[in-house]
Amino acid sequence: MMKILLRKMTPCEFENFCACSAKAYAADLQNDEGISEQEALAQALQELKSELPQGADTPGHCLMMVANRQSGDVVGFLWYLYEFTEGVKQVFLSDILIYETERRKGFATAAKSTLARTI
C-alpha cells in the first residue's frame, strides 16, 4: 500500500482547497440544477464559506493535505468532520481529492485507510 502522510492545511493551502473544491462542486451543481457555470461557482463558494466560517480552523472540521511520504510531495486533500448524535461520535468524509497527475496510484485508498486508523 502507498505510504502517505496526512497533515493540517496551512491558510494558503486552504485558499487553494476552496478554489479546487468549489470548482468540482460547481460542476455537479450545473449538472444537477441546470444553472450557469458562474451561478454554480458562486453557490459553491457561498456554501463552502457557510460550512467553514473559520476556514481550516472551523471547529469539528479537519482539513488535511495528503502527501506522498517518500517524496514529501502534496498529492491532494481530505476534509472530514465530526458530529455527535445522541452521544455517539460520527465521522463524515466530506471531500477527498487526489490531484489528476497523482490518480490511480493508491493515494486515495491509503488516505482513507490512514484516516480510519486515526479516528
Protein backbone atom coordinates (compact mmCIF):
# COMPACT_ATOMS: atom_id res chain seq x y z
CA MET A 1 0.00 0.00 0.00
CA MET A 2 1.12 3.55 -0.78
CA LYS A 3 2.60 5.33 2.22
CA ILE A 4 1.10 8.73 2.80
CA LEU A 5 1.14 11.46 5.40
CA LEU A 6 -1.90 13.47 6.44
CA ARG A 7 -1.14 16.95 7.76
CA LYS A 8 -3.20 20.02 8.60
CA MET A 9 -3.72 22.58 5.83
CA THR A 10 -1.95 25.92 6.00
CA PRO A 11 -4.01 29.10 5.35
CA CYS A 12 -2.56 29.34 1.82
CA GLU A 13 -3.39 25.70 1.13
CA PHE A 14 -6.91 26.34 2.44
CA GLU A 15 -7.42 29.02 -0.23
CA ASN A 16 -6.28 26.59 -2.93
CA PHE A 17 -8.54 23.90 -1.46
CA CYS A 18 -11.55 26.26 -1.62
CA ALA A 19 -10.91 27.09 -5.26
CA CYS A 20 -10.42 23.45 -6.24
CA SER A 21 -13.30 22.08 -4.17
CA ALA A 22 -15.70 24.81 -5.30
CA LYS A 23 -14.86 24.21 -8.94
CA ALA A 24 -15.61 20.48 -8.64
CA TYR A 25 -18.81 21.10 -6.67
CA ALA A 26 -19.92 23.76 -9.15
CA ALA A 27 -19.69 21.23 -11.98
CA ASP A 28 -22.03 18.95 -10.01
CA LEU A 29 -24.42 21.83 -9.37
CA GLN A 30 -24.50 22.69 -13.06
CA ASN A 31 -25.43 19.13 -13.97
CA ASP A 32 -27.92 18.63 -11.13
CA GLU A 33 -29.63 22.02 -11.12
CA GLY A 34 -29.13 23.21 -14.69
CA ILE A 35 -27.64 26.56 -13.65
CA SER A 36 -24.89 28.52 -15.35
CA GLU A 37 -21.20 27.96 -14.58
CA GLN A 38 -21.00 31.40 -12.93
CA GLU A 39 -24.09 30.79 -10.75
CA ALA A 40 -22.86 27.31 -9.79
CA LEU A 41 -19.43 28.58 -8.78
CA ALA A 42 -20.92 31.43 -6.73
CA GLN A 43 -23.25 28.99 -4.96
CA ALA A 44 -20.43 26.50 -4.31
CA LEU A 45 -18.17 29.20 -2.83
CA GLN A 46 -21.01 30.53 -0.66
CA GLU A 47 -21.76 27.05 0.69
CA LEU A 48 -18.07 26.44 1.47
CA LYS A 49 -17.82 29.75 3.34
CA SER A 50 -21.00 28.92 5.23
CA GLU A 51 -19.80 25.41 6.13
CA LEU A 52 -16.29 26.58 7.08
CA PRO A 53 -16.72 30.07 8.60
CA GLN A 54 -13.36 29.88 10.37
CA GLY A 55 -11.54 28.38 7.43
CA ALA A 56 -9.27 25.45 8.19
CA ASP A 57 -9.76 26.18 11.90
CA THR A 58 -13.55 25.68 11.89
CA PRO A 59 -14.36 23.55 14.96
CA GLY A 60 -15.40 19.98 14.21
CA HIS A 61 -13.87 20.05 10.72
CA CYS A 62 -10.49 18.59 9.79
CA LEU A 63 -8.89 19.77 6.58
CA MET A 64 -5.81 17.79 5.75
CA MET A 65 -3.27 17.68 2.97
CA VAL A 66 -2.38 14.25 1.58
CA ALA A 67 1.34 13.90 0.92
CA ASN A 68 3.48 11.13 -0.50
CA ARG A 69 5.56 10.02 2.50
CA GLN A 70 8.56 9.12 0.32
CA SER A 71 8.87 12.32 -1.69
CA GLY A 72 7.01 14.72 0.62
CA ASP A 73 5.03 16.00 -2.37
CA VAL A 74 1.43 17.00 -1.72
CA VAL A 75 -0.86 14.84 -3.85
CA GLY A 76 -4.31 16.03 -2.72
CA PHE A 77 -6.55 16.91 0.19
CA LEU A 78 -9.05 15.37 2.58
CA TRP A 79 -11.89 17.04 4.50
CA TYR A 80 -13.79 15.25 7.23
CA LEU A 81 -15.96 16.35 10.11
CA TYR A 82 -17.16 15.09 13.45
CA GLU A 83 -20.73 15.09 14.68
CA PHE A 84 -22.21 13.78 17.89
CA THR A 85 -25.67 12.25 17.61
CA GLU A 86 -27.25 11.07 20.85
CA GLY A 87 -23.79 10.88 22.41
CA VAL A 88 -22.29 8.84 19.58
CA LYS A 89 -19.33 10.32 17.71
CA GLN A 90 -19.72 10.06 13.94
CA VAL A 91 -17.17 10.93 11.29
CA PHE A 92 -18.17 12.03 7.80
CA LEU A 93 -15.85 12.25 4.84
CA SER A 94 -16.93 15.48 3.20
CA ASP A 95 -14.42 15.72 0.38
CA ILE A 96 -11.35 13.93 -0.90
CA LEU A 97 -9.43 14.90 -3.98
CA ILE A 98 -6.22 13.49 -5.37
CA TYR A 99 -4.66 15.73 -8.00
CA GLU A 100 -5.18 14.44 -11.51
CA THR A 101 -1.49 13.70 -12.13
CA GLU A 102 -1.38 11.53 -8.98
CA ARG A 103 -4.54 9.48 -9.50
CA ARG A 104 -4.63 5.69 -9.82
CA LYS A 105 -1.54 5.30 -7.64
CA GLY A 106 -3.29 4.28 -4.41
CA PHE A 107 -3.20 7.64 -2.63
CA ALA A 108 -6.97 7.91 -2.01
CA THR A 109 -7.17 4.37 -0.64
CA ALA A 110 -4.15 4.99 1.58
CA ALA A 111 -5.58 8.30 2.81
CA LYS A 112 -8.92 6.70 3.76
CA SER A 113 -7.13 3.81 5.49
CA THR A 114 -4.90 6.21 7.42
CA LEU A 115 -7.92 8.28 8.40
CA ALA A 116 -9.79 5.17 9.60
CA ARG A 117 -6.86 4.23 11.85
CA THR A 118 -6.56 7.71 13.38
CA ILE A 119 -10.18 8.44 14.29
